[in-house]
């Protein structure tokens, strides 16, 4: 059985891959029954696609691999608190649990700015765990943006 820290380590490895093609270093992993069924990183720059967030790409892969859009029984790990688009996708996929590392006070939709995953007016409320390996994830993001600022 994969522990939360172990799954987040995989997500952090994915996040590092995003930097190789100029994307913000965010990684996501989908786990079902203790097994990784999908792992992705941001590809907005690479694909010129505003929806190519790590979470959305991982959900797509997990759904394709399982043969259905319902991802009940799954936990999604993300190195950054999901944005409103990703939180909506997590709800639509019916994931059981969302675990994220760094909070996103500017766009987070799982407790920082909004809390879509805990809105009782919506049809699904996955469990949320925040802060798993948060310092490491935040460090990746801070280093990425510091490099961007100095290269301008």
Protein backbone atom coordinates (compact mmCIF):
# COMPACT_ATOMS: atom_id res chain seq x y z
CA UNK A 1 0.00 0.00 0.00
CA UNK A 2 1.39 3.39 -1.02
CA UNK A 3 1.67 5.92 1.80
CA UNK A 4 0.76 9.58 1.21
CA UNK A 5 4.41 10.67 1.38
CA UNK A 6 5.44 8.05 -1.18
CA UNK A 7 2.73 9.05 -3.63
CA UNK A 8 3.61 12.72 -3.21
CA UNK A 9 7.27 11.88 -3.95
CA UNK A 10 6.11 10.55 -7.31
CA UNK A 11 4.12 13.73 -7.90
CA UNK A 12 7.20 15.81 -7.05
CA UNK A 13 9.25 13.83 -9.60
CA UNK A 14 6.57 14.61 -12.18
CA UNK A 15 6.64 18.30 -11.21
CA UNK A 16 10.36 18.44 -11.90
CA UNK A 17 9.72 17.15 -15.44
CA UNK A 18 7.47 20.13 -16.19
CA UNK A 19 10.41 22.50 -15.81
CA UNK A 20 12.23 20.76 -18.66
CA UNK A 21 9.81 22.32 -21.13
CA UNK A 22 9.17 25.62 -19.37
CA UNK A 23 6.01 24.69 -17.52
CA UNK A 24 5.24 25.56 -13.91
CA UNK A 25 6.47 22.57 -11.86
CA UNK A 26 3.27 20.90 -10.77
CA UNK A 27 2.82 17.15 -10.74
CA UNK A 28 -0.17 14.91 -10.09
CA UNK A 29 -0.65 11.21 -9.41
CA UNK A 30 -3.81 9.11 -9.34
CA UNK A 31 -3.78 6.09 -7.03
CA UNK A 32 -6.40 3.34 -6.81
CA UNK A 33 -6.07 0.41 -4.45
CA UNK A 34 -2.53 1.40 -3.55
CA UNK A 35 -1.40 1.35 -7.19
CA UNK A 36 -0.43 4.36 -9.32
CA UNK A 37 -2.80 4.38 -12.29
CA UNK A 38 -1.70 7.74 -13.76
CA UNK A 39 1.02 10.32 -13.27
CA UNK A 40 1.43 13.60 -15.13
CA UNK A 41 2.86 17.10 -14.94
CA UNK A 42 1.83 20.49 -16.28
CA UNK A 43 2.04 20.77 -20.06
CA UNK A 44 0.35 24.09 -20.78
CA UNK A 45 3.40 25.57 -22.49
CA UNK A 46 4.32 22.36 -24.30
CA UNK A 47 0.80 21.84 -25.70
CA UNK A 48 -0.25 25.50 -25.91
CA UNK A 49 -3.33 24.32 -24.01
CA UNK A 50 -4.70 26.25 -21.02
CA UNK A 51 -6.39 23.08 -19.70
CA UNK A 52 -3.20 20.97 -19.67
CA UNK A 53 -2.81 21.10 -15.90
CA UNK A 54 -1.20 18.08 -14.24
CA UNK A 55 -4.41 17.08 -12.45
CA UNK A 56 -6.58 17.21 -15.57
CA UNK A 57 -4.06 15.22 -17.62
CA UNK A 58 -3.73 12.61 -14.87
CA UNK A 59 -7.52 12.29 -14.56
CA UNK A 60 -7.80 11.80 -18.32
CA UNK A 61 -5.17 9.06 -18.28
CA UNK A 62 -6.72 7.34 -15.25
CA UNK A 63 -10.17 7.37 -16.86
CA UNK A 64 -8.82 6.05 -20.16
CA UNK A 65 -6.95 3.29 -18.33
CA UNK A 66 -9.98 2.25 -16.29
CA UNK A 67 -12.42 2.43 -19.17
CA UNK A 68 -14.77 4.85 -17.43
CA UNK A 69 -14.99 8.42 -16.26
CA UNK A 70 -15.92 7.59 -12.67
CA UNK A 71 -12.76 7.44 -10.60
CA UNK A 72 -14.36 6.44 -7.33
CA UNK A 73 -11.91 4.66 -5.08
CA UNK A 74 -9.10 6.93 -6.29
CA UNK A 75 -6.90 9.40 -4.47
CA UNK A 76 -5.37 12.25 -6.45
CA UNK A 77 -2.07 13.71 -5.23
CA UNK A 78 -1.01 17.14 -6.46
CA UNK A 79 2.06 19.15 -5.59
CA UNK A 80 -0.02 22.34 -5.64
CA UNK A 81 -3.50 23.01 -4.36
CA UNK A 82 -5.87 22.48 -7.30
CA UNK A 83 -7.30 25.53 -9.05
CA UNK A 84 -11.05 25.93 -9.71
CA UNK A 85 -10.82 24.11 -13.07
CA UNK A 86 -8.96 21.17 -11.58
CA UNK A 87 -11.19 21.06 -8.50
CA UNK A 88 -14.20 20.92 -10.83
CA UNK A 89 -12.61 18.05 -12.74
CA UNK A 90 -11.89 16.21 -9.48
CA UNK A 91 -15.54 16.56 -8.51
CA UNK A 92 -16.75 15.45 -11.94
CA UNK A 93 -14.52 12.37 -11.77
CA UNK A 94 -15.94 11.47 -8.34
CA UNK A 95 -12.53 10.88 -6.74
CA UNK A 96 -12.69 9.84 -3.10
CA UNK A 97 -9.75 11.81 -1.81
CA UNK A 98 -7.51 14.74 -2.76
CA UNK A 99 -4.08 15.22 -1.19
CA UNK A 100 -2.02 18.27 -2.03
CA UNK A 101 1.32 19.67 -0.95
CA UNK A 102 1.64 23.46 -1.24
CA UNK A 103 -1.32 25.77 -0.71
CA UNK A 104 -2.10 28.29 -3.47
CA UNK A 105 -3.43 31.50 -1.91
CA UNK A 106 -3.89 33.10 -5.37
CA UNK A 107 -5.86 30.35 -7.12
CA UNK A 108 -6.43 27.46 -4.71
CA UNK A 109 -9.89 25.95 -4.76
CA UNK A 110 -9.49 23.41 -1.96
CA UNK A 111 -9.44 25.74 1.00
CA UNK A 112 -7.17 28.71 0.28
CA UNK A 113 -9.17 30.98 -1.99
CA UNK A 114 -12.24 28.81 -2.55
CA UNK A 115 -13.26 25.41 -1.26
CA UNK A 116 -15.15 23.76 -4.08
CA UNK A 117 -14.45 20.27 -2.76
CA UNK A 118 -16.29 21.00 0.48
CA UNK A 119 -19.28 22.85 -0.91
CA UNK A 120 -22.40 20.99 0.27
CA UNK A 121 -24.40 22.43 -2.63
CA UNK A 122 -22.42 20.26 -5.03
CA UNK A 123 -23.08 16.57 -5.60
CA UNK A 124 -19.78 15.19 -4.30
CA UNK A 125 -17.40 15.95 -1.42
CA UNK A 126 -14.06 14.13 -1.49
CA UNK A 127 -11.85 14.04 1.58
CA UNK A 128 -9.01 16.59 1.51
CA UNK A 129 -5.56 16.40 3.08
CA UNK A 130 -3.33 19.45 2.71
CA UNK A 131 0.35 20.01 3.39
CA UNK A 132 1.96 16.65 2.52
CA UNK A 133 5.60 17.50 1.64
CA UNK A 134 4.50 21.12 1.29
CA UNK A 135 7.94 22.65 1.86
CA UNK A 136 9.50 20.62 -0.96
CA UNK A 137 6.72 21.49 -3.39
CA UNK A 138 6.82 25.16 -2.44
CA UNK A 139 10.59 25.13 -2.90
CA UNK A 140 10.25 23.86 -6.47
CA UNK A 141 7.74 26.57 -7.28
CA UNK A 142 9.75 29.34 -5.62
CA UNK A 143 12.93 28.34 -7.48
CA UNK A 144 11.06 28.19 -10.79
CA UNK A 145 9.56 31.65 -10.42
CA UNK A 146 12.81 33.15 -9.08
CA UNK A 147 14.56 31.94 -12.24
CA UNK A 148 11.80 33.44 -14.40
CA UNK A 149 12.09 36.81 -12.66
CA UNK A 150 15.88 37.00 -13.07
CA UNK A 151 15.79 35.99 -16.74
CA UNK A 152 13.55 38.90 -17.75
